[in-house]
Amino acid sequence: MHGTVRNFKYNIVGSRFATPIAILVALAMRIGFFLVQGIPRPAFPDTGFVWKYLPSFFEIPEVSFVLSTLAVFVIVWILSLLNDRFSLIHNRSNLPFIIPLIFFSSHPYFLLFTPDYISLIFILCAFFPLLSSYQKYETQLYSFKSAVLIGIAGLFQVYALVLLPLFWKGEFSMRRFYFKSFLSSLLGVVLVYWCAFGVFYFFDGTEGFIAPFLSFAEISIFERPEISPSEWISVAVAALFFLTYMSLSFASYARSKVLTHITLQFIIFVLFILVFLQILYWEQTIFMSFPGIALLSFVIAYFYSTTVSKWAVRSFYFMTAVLAVFYLINYFPFLDFSY
């Protein structure tokens, strides 16, 4: 093993000090954004069922900052737990925790506590029953649990429901198709929204229940984008990371164990759909970017945790430098930020 790779594995991938250092760095990045720019204004309409009924103290800048920070730590902890529970990365690695933590701290918009965070937490939790169903025959309960979790995620952000048919594809990859499991997933979602319909029917009328579903008709792909130079930079950096690591990951995960191979294959499939949907609804929501960043972070973490190429390790340091420049561009408010 090349010395560059050996040092990378020892000092970053497997070091017991890498995670605490990453936590301090992420907190410093978020506090820096908060002190210099504050909490950005919400940029997109509420397309959920319950967010407008929650207490207004979420709008207090300090509360939003603390809750968004806690949500990010919950998200990265779930990703790390998912890796540990199913041994997706065969060796010890801090990267499933570190990489999404830094990604979710690299832009001031992530300081705003939105229902997208809550929805993403439930979506990531839905991966546990999905992966637990690998090579199982009685899978109705697993499908039901995943569907219920996605249904709850949709109560906070209705666009989360697009993940349900994608999870059907994931269930088919984990084992062959079972019609009973398909019915169980439908039952799980129907149960969640039947309860929600009952609450709206008695307290707010059926209009409040129907309104979020109408958001799916608000396609903005033909709208002319009016975004600032800094936002174009954000799009360019996101596209760079996505295209680079999608191309690199195809060669890396093919050599992994079967469950890891299937999981990464499914994640990449979901990522491509999320990119398409984000382009389709770019003016209505940025929600697809949240699970996209989380899942792409895991793909990147897997790639760097298993690589033995010195050029791949050097690309990690290049990625870190790009993120540092990206952070500084967003940190100094000399560009027009319009959220």
Protein backbone atom coordinates (compact mmCIF):
# COMPACT_ATOMS: atom_id res chain seq x y z
CA MET A 1 0.00 0.00 0.00
CA HIS A 2 1.33 3.42 -0.96
CA GLY A 3 2.40 5.70 1.89
CA THR A 4 -0.18 8.33 0.92
CA VAL A 5 -2.97 5.77 1.17
CA ARG A 6 -1.62 4.32 4.43
CA ASN A 7 -1.45 7.73 6.08
CA PHE A 8 -4.95 8.58 4.85
CA LYS A 9 -6.37 5.35 6.26
CA TYR A 10 -4.61 5.82 9.59
CA ASN A 11 -5.12 9.55 10.16
CA ILE A 12 -8.61 10.08 8.70
CA VAL A 13 -10.55 6.94 7.81
CA GLY A 14 -9.79 4.93 10.95
CA SER A 15 -8.51 7.51 13.41
CA ARG A 16 -10.40 7.84 16.68
CA PHE A 17 -9.65 11.57 16.72
CA ALA A 18 -11.01 12.34 13.24
CA THR A 19 -14.66 12.40 14.30
CA PRO A 20 -14.27 14.83 17.25
CA ILE A 21 -12.17 17.13 15.07
CA ALA A 22 -14.81 17.00 12.32
CA ILE A 23 -17.52 17.87 14.85
CA LEU A 24 -15.57 20.92 16.03
CA VAL A 25 -14.91 22.00 12.45
CA ALA A 26 -18.58 21.62 11.48
CA LEU A 27 -19.72 23.57 14.55
CA ALA A 28 -17.22 26.32 13.76
CA MET A 29 -18.47 26.47 10.16
CA ARG A 30 -22.11 26.73 11.25
CA ILE A 31 -21.42 29.27 14.00
CA GLY A 32 -19.40 31.33 11.53
CA PHE A 33 -22.32 31.43 9.09
CA PHE A 34 -24.73 32.30 11.90
CA LEU A 35 -22.64 35.17 13.24
CA VAL A 36 -21.86 36.67 9.84
CA GLN A 37 -25.05 36.08 7.84
CA GLY A 38 -27.64 34.91 10.33
CA ILE A 39 -30.51 32.62 9.39
CA PRO A 40 -31.62 32.90 5.74
CA ARG A 41 -35.23 33.51 4.83
CA PRO A 42 -37.35 30.54 3.71
CA ALA A 43 -37.12 30.32 -0.06
CA PHE A 44 -39.87 27.85 -0.87
CA PRO A 45 -43.54 27.41 -0.01
CA ASP A 46 -44.63 24.97 2.67
CA THR A 47 -45.83 21.81 0.91
CA GLY A 48 -46.42 19.66 3.96
CA PHE A 49 -49.43 18.88 6.11
CA VAL A 50 -48.34 19.70 9.65
CA TRP A 51 -45.58 22.34 9.54
CA LYS A 52 -47.93 25.33 9.50
CA TYR A 53 -49.58 24.09 12.70
CA LEU A 54 -46.33 23.82 14.66
CA PRO A 55 -45.37 26.60 17.12
CA SER A 56 -43.96 29.75 15.59
CA PHE A 57 -40.93 29.74 17.90
CA PHE A 58 -39.15 27.72 15.19
CA GLU A 59 -38.82 31.03 13.38
CA ILE A 60 -36.60 32.48 16.13
CA PRO A 61 -33.07 32.57 14.63
CA GLU A 62 -31.34 31.00 17.63
CA VAL A 63 -33.92 28.22 17.85
CA SER A 64 -33.68 27.53 14.13
CA PHE A 65 -29.89 27.39 14.33
CA VAL A 66 -29.85 24.99 17.29
CA LEU A 67 -32.54 22.69 15.87
CA SER A 68 -31.01 22.55 12.40
CA THR A 69 -27.64 21.70 13.95
CA LEU A 70 -29.20 18.96 16.06
CA ALA A 71 -31.04 17.64 12.98
CA VAL A 72 -27.77 17.44 11.04
CA PHE A 73 -26.14 15.45 13.84
CA VAL A 74 -29.13 13.08 13.93
CA ILE A 75 -28.89 12.59 10.16
CA VAL A 76 -25.17 11.79 10.17
CA TRP A 77 -25.62 9.52 13.20
CA ILE A 78 -28.33 7.58 11.34
CA LEU A 79 -26.06 7.19 8.30
CA SER A 80 -23.22 5.99 10.50
CA LEU A 81 -25.55 3.60 12.37
CA LEU A 82 -26.88 2.26 9.07
CA ASN A 83 -23.35 1.46 7.98
CA ASP A 84 -22.46 -0.18 11.30
CA ARG A 85 -25.69 -2.17 11.56
CA PHE A 86 -25.34 -3.81 8.13
CA SER A 87 -21.52 -3.66 7.79
CA LEU A 88 -21.78 -1.93 4.42
CA ILE A 89 -18.17 -0.77 4.71
CA HIS A 90 -16.20 -3.82 5.79
CA ASN A 91 -13.50 -1.90 7.65
CA ARG A 92 -13.71 0.75 10.36
CA SER A 93 -14.46 4.15 8.83
CA ASN A 94 -15.32 7.59 10.19
CA LEU A 95 -16.30 8.92 6.78
CA PRO A 96 -20.05 8.01 6.83
CA PHE A 97 -20.25 10.41 9.78
CA ILE A 98 -17.73 13.06 8.72
CA ILE A 99 -18.55 13.68 5.07
CA PRO A 100 -22.31 14.40 5.39
CA LEU A 101 -21.59 16.46 8.52
CA ILE A 102 -19.28 18.76 6.56
CA PHE A 103 -21.55 18.84 3.51
CA PHE A 104 -24.55 19.90 5.61
CA SER A 105 -22.45 22.70 7.14
CA SER A 106 -21.02 24.17 3.95
CA HIS A 107 -23.89 26.50 3.00
CA PRO A 108 -25.86 29.02 5.10
CA TYR A 109 -29.19 27.62 3.93
CA PHE A 110 -28.58 24.56 6.09
CA LEU A 111 -28.84 26.77 9.17
CA LEU A 112 -32.56 27.20 8.52
CA PHE A 113 -34.61 24.57 10.31
CA THR A 114 -37.18 23.36 7.79
CA PRO A 115 -39.53 20.36 7.54
CA ASP A 116 -37.07 18.95 5.02
CA TYR A 117 -34.81 17.95 7.91
CA ILE A 118 -37.58 16.06 9.73
CA SER A 119 -38.68 14.38 6.51
CA LEU A 120 -35.13 13.29 5.71
CA ILE A 121 -34.72 11.71 9.15
CA PHE A 122 -37.77 9.50 8.57
CA ILE A 123 -36.60 8.61 5.05
CA LEU A 124 -33.20 7.48 6.31
CA CYS A 125 -34.91 5.44 9.03
CA ALA A 126 -36.90 3.70 6.26
CA PHE A 127 -33.62 2.22 5.00
CA PHE A 128 -33.34 0.02 8.09
CA PRO A 129 -36.38 -2.20 7.37
CA LEU A 130 -35.46 -2.12 3.68
CA LEU A 131 -31.99 -3.54 4.26
CA SER A 132 -33.28 -5.90 6.96
CA SER A 133 -35.50 -7.54 4.34
CA TYR A 134 -32.47 -8.76 2.36
CA GLN A 135 -33.04 -12.40 1.31
CA LYS A 136 -36.07 -12.71 3.61
CA TYR A 137 -39.25 -14.47 2.50
CA GLU A 138 -41.80 -13.04 4.92
CA THR A 139 -41.23 -9.38 4.10
CA GLN A 140 -44.66 -7.83 4.64
CA LEU A 141 -43.69 -6.29 7.98
CA TYR A 142 -40.52 -4.73 6.53
CA SER A 143 -42.45 -3.20 3.63
CA PHE A 144 -45.10 -1.92 6.01
CA LYS A 145 -42.52 -0.25 8.27
CA SER A 146 -40.72 1.44 5.37
CA ALA A 147 -44.01 2.70 3.91
CA VAL A 148 -45.20 4.07 7.26
CA LEU A 149 -41.91 5.93 7.74
CA ILE A 150 -42.06 7.39 4.22
CA GLY A 151 -45.70 8.30 4.80
CA ILE A 152 -44.78 10.18 7.98
CA ALA A 153 -41.97 11.92 6.08
CA GLY A 154 -44.57 13.01 3.54
CA LEU A 155 -46.62 14.68 6.27
CA PHE A 156 -43.78 17.15 6.72
CA GLN A 157 -42.77 17.37 3.04
CA VAL A 158 -45.22 15.93 0.53
CA TYR A 159 -42.48 15.43 -2.08
CA ALA A 160 -41.08 12.68 0.15
CA LEU A 161 -43.84 10.44 -1.21
CA VAL A 162 -41.89 10.10 -4.47
CA LEU A 163 -39.53 7.85 -2.50
CA LEU A 164 -42.24 5.21 -2.06
CA PRO A 165 -42.13 3.77 -5.61
CA LEU A 166 -38.35 4.03 -5.48
CA PHE A 167 -38.36 1.88 -2.36
CA TRP A 168 -40.42 -0.69 -4.25
CA LYS A 169 -37.51 -0.90 -6.66
CA GLY A 170 -35.18 -1.29 -3.67
CA GLU A 171 -37.31 -4.08 -2.22
CA PHE A 172 -37.23 -5.90 -5.56
CA SER A 173 -33.41 -5.63 -5.49
CA MET A 174 -33.22 -7.04 -1.96
CA ARG A 175 -35.28 -10.08 -2.90
CA ARG A 176 -37.73 -11.07 -5.57
CA PHE A 177 -41.13 -9.39 -5.85
CA TYR A 178 -43.82 -10.37 -3.34
CA PHE A 179 -47.34 -9.14 -3.98
CA LYS A 180 -48.19 -9.30 -0.27
CA SER A 181 -45.26 -6.97 0.50
CA PHE A 182 -46.50 -4.55 -2.14
CA LEU A 183 -49.95 -4.54 -0.55
CA SER A 184 -48.39 -4.07 2.89
CA SER A 185 -46.53 -0.96 1.72
CA LEU A 186 -49.72 0.47 0.26
CA LEU A 187 -51.53 -0.29 3.51
CA GLY A 188 -48.82 1.50 5.49
CA VAL A 189 -49.14 4.71 3.48
CA VAL A 190 -52.94 4.55 3.39
CA LEU A 191 -53.04 4.12 7.16
CA VAL A 192 -50.94 7.25 7.72
CA TYR A 193 -52.97 9.41 5.36
CA TRP A 194 -56.31 8.02 6.45
CA CYS A 195 -55.50 9.22 9.96
CA ALA A 196 -54.33 12.56 8.57
CA PHE A 197 -57.51 12.90 6.53
CA GLY A 198 -59.61 12.27 9.61
CA VAL A 199 -57.84 15.02 11.54
CA PHE A 200 -58.21 17.51 8.68
CA TYR A 201 -61.84 16.54 8.11
CA PHE A 202 -62.84 17.30 11.68
CA PHE A 203 -60.65 20.35 12.36
CA ASP A 204 -59.58 22.07 9.13
CA GLY A 205 -61.69 20.78 6.26
CA THR A 206 -60.67 18.62 3.35
CA GLU A 207 -59.11 21.55 1.46
CA GLY A 208 -56.14 21.56 3.82
CA PHE A 209 -55.61 17.87 3.19
CA ILE A 210 -55.81 18.12 -0.60
CA ALA A 211 -53.64 21.26 -1.01
CA PRO A 212 -50.20 19.62 -0.51
CA PHE A 213 -50.94 16.99 -3.18
CA LEU A 214 -51.57 19.78 -5.70
CA SER A 215 -47.88 20.72 -5.36
CA PHE A 216 -46.98 17.82 -7.67
CA ALA A 217 -48.66 19.71 -10.53
CA GLU A 218 -46.45 22.79 -10.01
CA ILE A 219 -43.72 21.74 -12.42
CA SER A 220 -41.10 24.44 -12.92
CA ILE A 221 -38.78 22.86 -15.48
CA PHE A 222 -39.87 25.39 -18.13
CA GLU A 223 -39.42 28.40 -15.84
CA ARG A 224 -36.50 30.69 -16.47
CA PRO A 225 -34.00 30.44 -13.59
CA GLU A 226 -33.24 33.72 -11.83
CA ILE A 227 -30.48 32.89 -9.39
CA SER A 228 -27.48 34.80 -8.09
CA PRO A 229 -23.83 34.11 -9.02
CA SER A 230 -23.25 32.41 -5.68
CA GLU A 231 -26.16 30.07 -6.32
CA TRP A 232 -24.72 29.21 -9.74
CA ILE A 233 -21.51 28.29 -7.92
CA SER A 234 -23.52 26.04 -5.60
CA VAL A 235 -25.10 24.31 -8.58
CA ALA A 236 -21.72 23.90 -10.28
CA VAL A 237 -20.08 22.41 -7.18
CA ALA A 238 -23.01 20.02 -6.67
CA ALA A 239 -22.86 18.93 -10.31
CA LEU A 240 -19.09 18.44 -10.08
CA PHE A 241 -19.37 16.20 -7.03
CA PHE A 242 -22.30 14.25 -8.42
CA LEU A 243 -20.83 13.49 -11.83
CA THR A 244 -17.35 12.74 -10.47
CA TYR A 245 -18.37 10.34 -7.74
CA MET A 246 -21.07 8.63 -9.73
CA SER A 247 -18.51 7.70 -12.35
CA LEU A 248 -15.97 6.60 -9.72
CA SER A 249 -18.43 4.60 -7.66
CA PHE A 250 -19.46 2.25 -10.48
CA ALA A 251 -16.01 0.70 -10.48
CA SER A 252 -15.62 0.58 -6.69
CA TYR A 253 -18.86 -0.99 -5.46
CA ALA A 254 -18.74 -3.80 -8.04
CA ARG A 255 -16.07 -5.52 -5.92
CA SER A 256 -18.03 -5.30 -2.65
CA LYS A 257 -20.12 -7.94 -0.90
CA VAL A 258 -23.60 -8.63 -2.21
CA LEU A 259 -25.64 -6.55 0.27
CA THR A 260 -23.30 -3.58 -0.10
CA HIS A 261 -23.37 -3.92 -3.88
CA ILE A 262 -27.19 -3.97 -3.95
CA THR A 263 -27.47 -1.08 -1.49
CA LEU A 264 -25.06 1.18 -3.36
CA GLN A 265 -26.68 0.27 -6.67
CA PHE A 266 -30.06 1.27 -5.22
CA ILE A 267 -28.67 4.51 -3.74
CA ILE A 268 -27.20 5.52 -7.09
CA PHE A 269 -30.52 4.78 -8.77
CA VAL A 270 -32.29 6.98 -6.21
CA LEU A 271 -29.73 9.75 -6.68
CA PHE A 272 -30.35 9.95 -10.42
CA ILE A 273 -34.13 10.13 -9.85
CA LEU A 274 -33.68 12.82 -7.18
CA VAL A 275 -31.57 14.92 -9.53
CA PHE A 276 -34.25 14.66 -12.20
CA LEU A 277 -37.00 15.57 -9.72
CA GLN A 278 -35.02 18.50 -8.34
CA ILE A 279 -34.69 19.88 -11.86
CA LEU A 280 -38.40 19.28 -12.37
CA TYR A 281 -39.42 21.15 -9.20
CA TRP A 282 -36.47 23.49 -8.69
CA GLU A 283 -38.70 26.54 -8.13
CA GLN A 284 -41.07 24.79 -5.71
CA THR A 285 -38.73 22.96 -3.36
CA ILE A 286 -35.14 22.10 -2.60
CA PHE A 287 -36.17 19.00 -0.66
CA MET A 288 -34.70 16.52 -3.16
CA SER A 289 -31.28 17.99 -2.44
CA PHE A 290 -31.47 16.93 1.22
CA PRO A 291 -31.71 13.14 0.71
CA GLY A 292 -29.48 13.62 -2.35
CA ILE A 293 -26.67 15.11 -0.24
CA ALA A 294 -27.09 12.47 2.46
CA LEU A 295 -27.00 9.55 0.02
CA LEU A 296 -24.22 11.00 -2.13
CA SER A 297 -22.20 11.52 1.05
CA PHE A 298 -22.51 7.83 1.82
CA VAL A 299 -21.38 6.87 -1.69
CA ILE A 300 -18.36 9.15 -1.34
CA ALA A 301 -17.64 7.78 2.14
CA TYR A 302 -17.69 4.22 0.79
CA PHE A 303 -15.42 5.11 -2.10
CA TYR A 304 -12.74 6.72 0.05
CA SER A 305 -13.03 4.12 2.82
CA THR A 306 -12.23 1.27 0.44
CA THR A 307 -9.89 2.86 -2.08
CA VAL A 308 -6.24 1.84 -2.30
CA SER A 309 -5.34 4.34 -5.01
CA LYS A 310 -3.06 7.23 -4.17
CA TRP A 311 -4.75 9.32 -6.86
CA ALA A 312 -8.12 8.74 -5.24
CA VAL A 313 -6.71 9.84 -1.90
CA ARG A 314 -5.32 12.97 -3.50
CA SER A 315 -8.73 13.66 -5.00
CA PHE A 316 -10.10 13.61 -1.42
CA TYR A 317 -7.78 16.46 -0.48
CA PHE A 318 -8.79 18.26 -3.67
CA MET A 319 -12.47 17.82 -2.72
CA THR A 320 -11.68 19.24 0.72
CA ALA A 321 -10.00 22.26 -0.88
CA VAL A 322 -13.01 22.82 -3.18
CA LEU A 323 -15.35 22.68 -0.17
CA ALA A 324 -13.15 25.14 1.72
CA VAL A 325 -13.27 27.61 -1.18
CA PHE A 326 -17.01 27.05 -1.52
CA TYR A 327 -17.47 27.76 2.18
CA LEU A 328 -15.42 30.96 2.03
CA ILE A 329 -17.40 32.20 -0.98
CA ASN A 330 -20.61 31.71 0.99
CA TYR A 331 -19.08 33.04 4.21
CA PHE A 332 -18.15 36.46 2.90
CA PRO A 333 -21.34 38.29 1.87
CA PHE A 334 -19.84 40.09 -1.10
CA LEU A 335 -22.12 38.16 -3.43
CA ASP A 336 -25.85 38.54 -3.66
CA PHE A 337 -27.53 35.75 -1.72
CA SER A 338 -31.20 35.48 -2.48
CA TYR A 339 -32.88 32.60 -0.70
